[in-house]
Amino acid sequence: MNKDEAGLAALLATTGVLHFVAPKPFDAIVPGGLPGTARQWTYISGVCELAVAASIAHPRTRKAGGLAAAALFAAVFPANVKMAWDWRHASPAKRAIALGRLPLQIPLIAWGLRISR
């Protein structure tokens, strides 16, 4: 596994674990129109991140894992939009964080796609 692959696997694994260790911030950005509770979606997305991290870490599933990572980053984009909307009246620092997450999805998706090749 090269540094690029290890880096994305580590990022996804860390974030996946955080969904279980500190779920409240993730609960807060789950879009309201989804069925079930925000906590259920937090745990589901945490499991998905851990599964994608594992698939990137294993050579036989790495290409599929890269595609899954790109899809996952696209799928969580609505949560980032919700966060930006919810924090629109927050402090300038919080607004910058929330707005900065939006364009960050582009290089994350590209990272997954690069690994899938």
N, C-alpha and C. Protein backbone atom coordinates (compact mmCIF):
# COMPACT_ATOMS: atom_id res chain seq x y z
N MET A 1 0.86 -1.17 0.00
CA MET A 1 0.00 0.00 0.00
C MET A 1 0.90 1.23 0.00
N ASN A 2 0.64 2.16 -0.93
CA ASN A 2 1.46 3.37 -0.97
C ASN A 2 0.92 4.43 0.00
N LYS A 3 1.61 5.56 0.10
CA LYS A 3 1.22 6.61 1.05
C LYS A 3 -0.16 7.18 0.74
N ASP A 4 -0.49 7.32 -0.54
CA ASP A 4 -1.77 7.85 -0.95
C ASP A 4 -2.91 6.95 -0.46
N GLU A 5 -2.76 5.66 -0.68
CA GLU A 5 -3.77 4.69 -0.26
C GLU A 5 -3.84 4.61 1.27
N ALA A 6 -2.69 4.58 1.91
CA ALA A 6 -2.66 4.51 3.37
C ALA A 6 -3.28 5.75 3.99
N GLY A 7 -3.03 6.89 3.37
CA GLY A 7 -3.59 8.14 3.90
C GLY A 7 -5.10 8.16 3.85
N LEU A 8 -5.67 7.74 2.72
CA LEU A 8 -7.12 7.74 2.61
C LEU A 8 -7.73 6.68 3.53
N ALA A 9 -7.12 5.53 3.61
CA ALA A 9 -7.62 4.49 4.52
C ALA A 9 -7.59 4.99 5.97
N ALA A 10 -6.51 5.66 6.35
CA ALA A 10 -6.40 6.19 7.72
C ALA A 10 -7.43 7.27 7.98
N LEU A 11 -7.63 8.17 7.02
CA LEU A 11 -8.63 9.23 7.18
C LEU A 11 -10.02 8.64 7.38
N LEU A 12 -10.38 7.68 6.53
CA LEU A 12 -11.70 7.06 6.64
C LEU A 12 -11.85 6.24 7.93
N ALA A 13 -10.81 5.53 8.31
CA ALA A 13 -10.87 4.74 9.54
C ALA A 13 -11.02 5.64 10.77
N THR A 14 -10.26 6.72 10.79
CA THR A 14 -10.33 7.65 11.92
C THR A 14 -11.72 8.27 12.02
N THR A 15 -12.22 8.75 10.89
CA THR A 15 -13.54 9.37 10.89
C THR A 15 -14.61 8.34 11.23
N GLY A 16 -14.47 7.12 10.71
CA GLY A 16 -15.42 6.07 11.04
C GLY A 16 -15.48 5.78 12.53
N VAL A 17 -14.33 5.69 13.16
CA VAL A 17 -14.28 5.46 14.61
C VAL A 17 -14.91 6.63 15.36
N LEU A 18 -14.65 7.85 14.91
CA LEU A 18 -15.23 9.03 15.57
C LEU A 18 -16.75 9.02 15.55
N HIS A 19 -17.35 8.42 14.53
CA HIS A 19 -18.81 8.32 14.47
C HIS A 19 -19.36 7.55 15.66
N PHE A 20 -18.57 6.65 16.23
CA PHE A 20 -19.01 5.87 17.38
C PHE A 20 -18.54 6.45 18.70
N VAL A 21 -17.35 7.03 18.72
CA VAL A 21 -16.77 7.56 19.95
C VAL A 21 -17.39 8.92 20.32
N ALA A 22 -17.64 9.75 19.32
CA ALA A 22 -18.20 11.09 19.54
C ALA A 22 -19.27 11.35 18.48
N PRO A 23 -20.44 10.72 18.60
CA PRO A 23 -21.44 10.80 17.53
C PRO A 23 -22.23 12.11 17.46
N LYS A 24 -22.30 12.88 18.52
CA LYS A 24 -23.17 14.07 18.53
C LYS A 24 -22.91 15.05 17.39
N PRO A 25 -21.66 15.41 17.08
CA PRO A 25 -21.46 16.34 15.96
C PRO A 25 -21.95 15.78 14.62
N PHE A 26 -21.85 14.47 14.45
CA PHE A 26 -22.33 13.85 13.22
C PHE A 26 -23.86 13.81 13.20
N ASP A 27 -24.46 13.54 14.36
CA ASP A 27 -25.93 13.55 14.45
C ASP A 27 -26.49 14.90 14.00
N ALA A 28 -25.80 15.96 14.39
CA ALA A 28 -26.30 17.32 14.13
C ALA A 28 -26.34 17.67 12.65
N ILE A 29 -25.59 16.97 11.82
CA ILE A 29 -25.56 17.34 10.40
C ILE A 29 -26.31 16.34 9.50
N VAL A 30 -26.99 15.39 10.12
CA VAL A 30 -27.79 14.44 9.33
C VAL A 30 -29.02 15.20 8.81
N PRO A 31 -29.21 15.20 7.49
CA PRO A 31 -30.39 15.88 6.95
C PRO A 31 -31.69 15.32 7.52
N GLY A 32 -32.62 16.19 7.84
CA GLY A 32 -33.85 15.81 8.52
C GLY A 32 -34.81 14.95 7.73
N GLY A 33 -34.74 14.94 6.43
CA GLY A 33 -35.69 14.19 5.63
C GLY A 33 -35.45 12.70 5.55
N LEU A 34 -34.37 12.22 6.14
CA LEU A 34 -34.05 10.80 6.08
C LEU A 34 -34.90 10.01 7.08
N PRO A 35 -35.31 8.80 6.72
CA PRO A 35 -36.06 7.98 7.69
C PRO A 35 -35.16 7.53 8.83
N GLY A 36 -35.75 7.26 9.96
CA GLY A 36 -34.97 6.82 11.11
C GLY A 36 -34.41 8.00 11.88
N THR A 37 -33.56 7.68 12.84
CA THR A 37 -32.99 8.73 13.69
C THR A 37 -31.64 9.18 13.15
N ALA A 38 -31.25 10.36 13.56
CA ALA A 38 -29.93 10.87 13.18
C ALA A 38 -28.83 9.94 13.68
N ARG A 39 -28.99 9.40 14.87
CA ARG A 39 -27.97 8.50 15.43
C ARG A 39 -27.83 7.24 14.57
N GLN A 40 -28.94 6.72 14.08
CA GLN A 40 -28.85 5.55 13.20
C GLN A 40 -28.02 5.87 11.97
N TRP A 41 -28.24 7.04 11.37
CA TRP A 41 -27.49 7.45 10.18
C TRP A 41 -26.02 7.71 10.52
N THR A 42 -25.77 8.22 11.71
CA THR A 42 -24.39 8.43 12.15
C THR A 42 -23.67 7.08 12.22
N TYR A 43 -24.32 6.10 12.82
CA TYR A 43 -23.70 4.78 12.93
C TYR A 43 -23.56 4.11 11.56
N ILE A 44 -24.57 4.23 10.71
CA ILE A 44 -24.50 3.64 9.37
C ILE A 44 -23.33 4.24 8.60
N SER A 45 -23.20 5.57 8.65
CA SER A 45 -22.10 6.20 7.90
C SER A 45 -20.75 5.83 8.51
N GLY A 46 -20.70 5.65 9.83
CA GLY A 46 -19.46 5.21 10.46
C GLY A 46 -19.06 3.82 10.00
N VAL A 47 -20.03 2.90 9.93
CA VAL A 47 -19.76 1.56 9.44
C VAL A 47 -19.29 1.61 7.99
N CYS A 48 -19.94 2.45 7.18
CA CYS A 48 -19.54 2.58 5.77
C CYS A 48 -18.11 3.09 5.66
N GLU A 49 -17.75 4.08 6.46
CA GLU A 49 -16.39 4.61 6.40
C GLU A 49 -15.37 3.55 6.82
N LEU A 50 -15.68 2.77 7.83
CA LEU A 50 -14.76 1.72 8.26
C LEU A 50 -14.65 0.63 7.19
N ALA A 51 -15.76 0.27 6.56
CA ALA A 51 -15.73 -0.74 5.51
C ALA A 51 -14.93 -0.26 4.30
N VAL A 52 -15.10 1.00 3.94
CA VAL A 52 -14.36 1.54 2.79
C VAL A 52 -12.87 1.62 3.13
N ALA A 53 -12.55 2.03 4.35
CA ALA A 53 -11.15 2.07 4.77
C ALA A 53 -10.52 0.68 4.66
N ALA A 54 -11.23 -0.33 5.12
CA ALA A 54 -10.71 -1.70 5.05
C ALA A 54 -10.55 -2.15 3.60
N SER A 55 -11.49 -1.76 2.75
CA SER A 55 -11.38 -2.18 1.35
C SER A 55 -10.22 -1.49 0.64
N ILE A 56 -9.90 -0.28 1.02
CA ILE A 56 -8.74 0.41 0.45
C ILE A 56 -7.45 -0.23 0.97
N ALA A 57 -7.46 -0.67 2.20
CA ALA A 57 -6.26 -1.26 2.80
C ALA A 57 -5.90 -2.62 2.20
N HIS A 58 -6.87 -3.31 1.66
CA HIS A 58 -6.61 -4.65 1.11
C HIS A 58 -6.37 -4.58 -0.39
N PRO A 59 -5.27 -5.13 -0.87
CA PRO A 59 -4.95 -5.03 -2.30
C PRO A 59 -6.03 -5.56 -3.25
N ARG A 60 -6.69 -6.64 -2.87
CA ARG A 60 -7.69 -7.25 -3.77
C ARG A 60 -8.95 -6.40 -3.91
N THR A 61 -9.23 -5.55 -2.94
CA THR A 61 -10.46 -4.74 -2.98
C THR A 61 -10.17 -3.24 -3.12
N ARG A 62 -8.91 -2.90 -3.31
CA ARG A 62 -8.50 -1.49 -3.31
C ARG A 62 -9.19 -0.67 -4.40
N LYS A 63 -9.27 -1.19 -5.62
CA LYS A 63 -9.90 -0.42 -6.70
C LYS A 63 -11.37 -0.16 -6.40
N ALA A 64 -12.07 -1.18 -5.97
CA ALA A 64 -13.48 -1.01 -5.59
C ALA A 64 -13.60 -0.08 -4.39
N GLY A 65 -12.65 -0.18 -3.47
CA GLY A 65 -12.65 0.70 -2.30
C GLY A 65 -12.48 2.16 -2.68
N GLY A 66 -11.63 2.42 -3.67
CA GLY A 66 -11.46 3.80 -4.14
C GLY A 66 -12.75 4.34 -4.72
N LEU A 67 -13.43 3.52 -5.52
CA LEU A 67 -14.73 3.94 -6.06
C LEU A 67 -15.76 4.14 -4.95
N ALA A 68 -15.74 3.25 -3.98
CA ALA A 68 -16.67 3.37 -2.85
C ALA A 68 -16.37 4.64 -2.04
N ALA A 69 -15.10 4.98 -1.91
CA ALA A 69 -14.74 6.21 -1.19
C ALA A 69 -15.27 7.42 -1.93
N ALA A 70 -15.09 7.45 -3.25
CA ALA A 70 -15.61 8.57 -4.04
C ALA A 70 -17.12 8.69 -3.88
N ALA A 71 -17.81 7.55 -3.95
CA ALA A 71 -19.26 7.56 -3.79
C ALA A 71 -19.67 8.01 -2.39
N LEU A 72 -18.94 7.56 -1.38
CA LEU A 72 -19.23 7.95 -0.01
C LEU A 72 -19.05 9.46 0.18
N PHE A 73 -17.98 10.00 -0.36
CA PHE A 73 -17.75 11.45 -0.22
C PHE A 73 -18.85 12.24 -0.93
N ALA A 74 -19.34 11.73 -2.05
CA ALA A 74 -20.45 12.39 -2.74
C ALA A 74 -21.74 12.26 -1.92
N ALA A 75 -21.93 11.09 -1.32
CA ALA A 75 -23.16 10.84 -0.56
C ALA A 75 -23.27 11.69 0.70
N VAL A 76 -22.15 12.03 1.31
CA VAL A 76 -22.21 12.83 2.54
C VAL A 76 -22.25 14.33 2.27
N PHE A 77 -22.18 14.71 1.01
CA PHE A 77 -22.21 16.13 0.67
C PHE A 77 -23.46 16.84 1.23
N PRO A 78 -24.67 16.24 1.18
CA PRO A 78 -25.83 16.93 1.77
C PRO A 78 -25.66 17.25 3.26
N ALA A 79 -24.93 16.41 3.99
CA ALA A 79 -24.67 16.70 5.40
C ALA A 79 -23.80 17.96 5.53
N ASN A 80 -22.84 18.12 4.63
CA ASN A 80 -21.99 19.31 4.66
C ASN A 80 -22.79 20.56 4.30
N VAL A 81 -23.72 20.42 3.37
CA VAL A 81 -24.60 21.54 3.03
C VAL A 81 -25.46 21.91 4.23
N LYS A 82 -26.00 20.91 4.92
CA LYS A 82 -26.81 21.18 6.12
C LYS A 82 -25.98 21.89 7.18
N MET A 83 -24.76 21.45 7.36
CA MET A 83 -23.88 22.09 8.34
C MET A 83 -23.64 23.56 7.98
N ALA A 84 -23.38 23.82 6.71
CA ALA A 84 -23.15 25.21 6.27
C ALA A 84 -24.40 26.05 6.51
N TRP A 85 -25.56 25.49 6.22
CA TRP A 85 -26.81 26.22 6.44
C TRP A 85 -27.04 26.46 7.93
N ASP A 86 -26.87 25.43 8.74
CA ASP A 86 -27.10 25.55 10.18
C ASP A 86 -26.14 26.54 10.83
N TRP A 87 -24.94 26.65 10.31
CA TRP A 87 -23.92 27.51 10.91
C TRP A 87 -23.83 28.88 10.22
N ARG A 88 -24.80 29.21 9.40
CA ARG A 88 -24.72 30.47 8.66
C ARG A 88 -24.71 31.70 9.55
N HIS A 89 -25.22 31.60 10.78
CA HIS A 89 -25.23 32.73 11.71
C HIS A 89 -24.23 32.50 12.86
N ALA A 90 -23.40 31.49 12.74
CA ALA A 90 -22.41 31.18 13.79
C ALA A 90 -21.24 32.15 13.70
N SER A 91 -20.26 31.92 14.53
CA SER A 91 -19.07 32.77 14.53
C SER A 91 -18.38 32.68 13.17
N PRO A 92 -17.58 33.68 12.83
CA PRO A 92 -16.86 33.62 11.54
C PRO A 92 -16.00 32.36 11.40
N ALA A 93 -15.40 31.91 12.49
CA ALA A 93 -14.57 30.71 12.43
C ALA A 93 -15.41 29.48 12.08
N LYS A 94 -16.57 29.34 12.74
CA LYS A 94 -17.44 28.20 12.45
C LYS A 94 -17.98 28.27 11.02
N ARG A 95 -18.35 29.47 10.59
CA ARG A 95 -18.84 29.61 9.21
C ARG A 95 -17.76 29.21 8.21
N ALA A 96 -16.52 29.61 8.48
CA ALA A 96 -15.40 29.27 7.59
C ALA A 96 -15.20 27.76 7.52
N ILE A 97 -15.30 27.10 8.66
CA ILE A 97 -15.17 25.64 8.69
C ILE A 97 -16.28 25.00 7.88
N ALA A 98 -17.51 25.42 8.13
CA ALA A 98 -18.66 24.82 7.45
C ALA A 98 -18.60 25.07 5.95
N LEU A 99 -18.26 26.27 5.55
CA LEU A 99 -18.19 26.58 4.12
C LEU A 99 -16.98 25.91 3.48
N GLY A 100 -15.90 25.78 4.22
CA GLY A 100 -14.69 25.14 3.70
C GLY A 100 -14.88 23.66 3.42
N ARG A 101 -15.80 23.04 4.14
CA ARG A 101 -16.06 21.61 3.91
C ARG A 101 -16.69 21.36 2.55
N LEU A 102 -17.42 22.33 2.02
CA LEU A 102 -18.14 22.11 0.76
C LEU A 102 -17.19 21.84 -0.40
N PRO A 103 -16.25 22.74 -0.69
CA PRO A 103 -15.34 22.45 -1.80
C PRO A 103 -14.32 21.36 -1.48
N LEU A 104 -14.14 21.04 -0.21
CA LEU A 104 -13.21 19.97 0.16
C LEU A 104 -13.66 18.61 -0.38
N GLN A 105 -14.95 18.46 -0.62
CA GLN A 105 -15.44 17.19 -1.14
C GLN A 105 -14.84 16.88 -2.52
N ILE A 106 -14.54 17.90 -3.30
CA ILE A 106 -14.00 17.67 -4.65
C ILE A 106 -12.66 16.95 -4.60
N PRO A 107 -11.67 17.43 -3.84
CA PRO A 107 -10.41 16.66 -3.80
C PRO A 107 -10.56 15.31 -3.11
N LEU A 108 -11.50 15.18 -2.18
CA LEU A 108 -11.71 13.88 -1.54
C LEU A 108 -12.27 12.88 -2.54
N ILE A 109 -13.23 13.30 -3.35
CA ILE A 109 -13.78 12.43 -4.40
C ILE A 109 -12.67 12.07 -5.39
N ALA A 110 -11.88 13.05 -5.78
CA ALA A 110 -10.77 12.81 -6.72
C ALA A 110 -9.76 11.83 -6.12
N TRP A 111 -9.52 11.92 -4.82
CA TRP A 111 -8.59 11.02 -4.13
C TRP A 111 -9.09 9.57 -4.25
N GLY A 112 -10.36 9.36 -3.97
CA GLY A 112 -10.93 8.03 -4.11
C GLY A 112 -10.82 7.51 -5.54
N LEU A 113 -11.15 8.38 -6.51
CA LEU A 113 -11.07 7.97 -7.91
C LEU A 113 -9.65 7.64 -8.32
N ARG A 114 -8.68 8.41 -7.82
CA ARG A 114 -7.27 8.14 -8.14
C ARG A 114 -6.86 6.76 -7.63
N ILE A 115 -7.32 6.40 -6.46
CA ILE A 115 -6.99 5.09 -5.89
C ILE A 115 -7.67 3.96 -6.67
N SER A 116 -8.82 4.27 -7.25
CA SER A 116 -9.55 3.23 -7.98
C SER A 116 -8.89 2.87 -9.32
N ARG A 117 -7.91 3.66 -9.76
CA ARG A 117 -7.27 3.39 -11.07
C ARG A 117 -6.10 2.44 -10.94
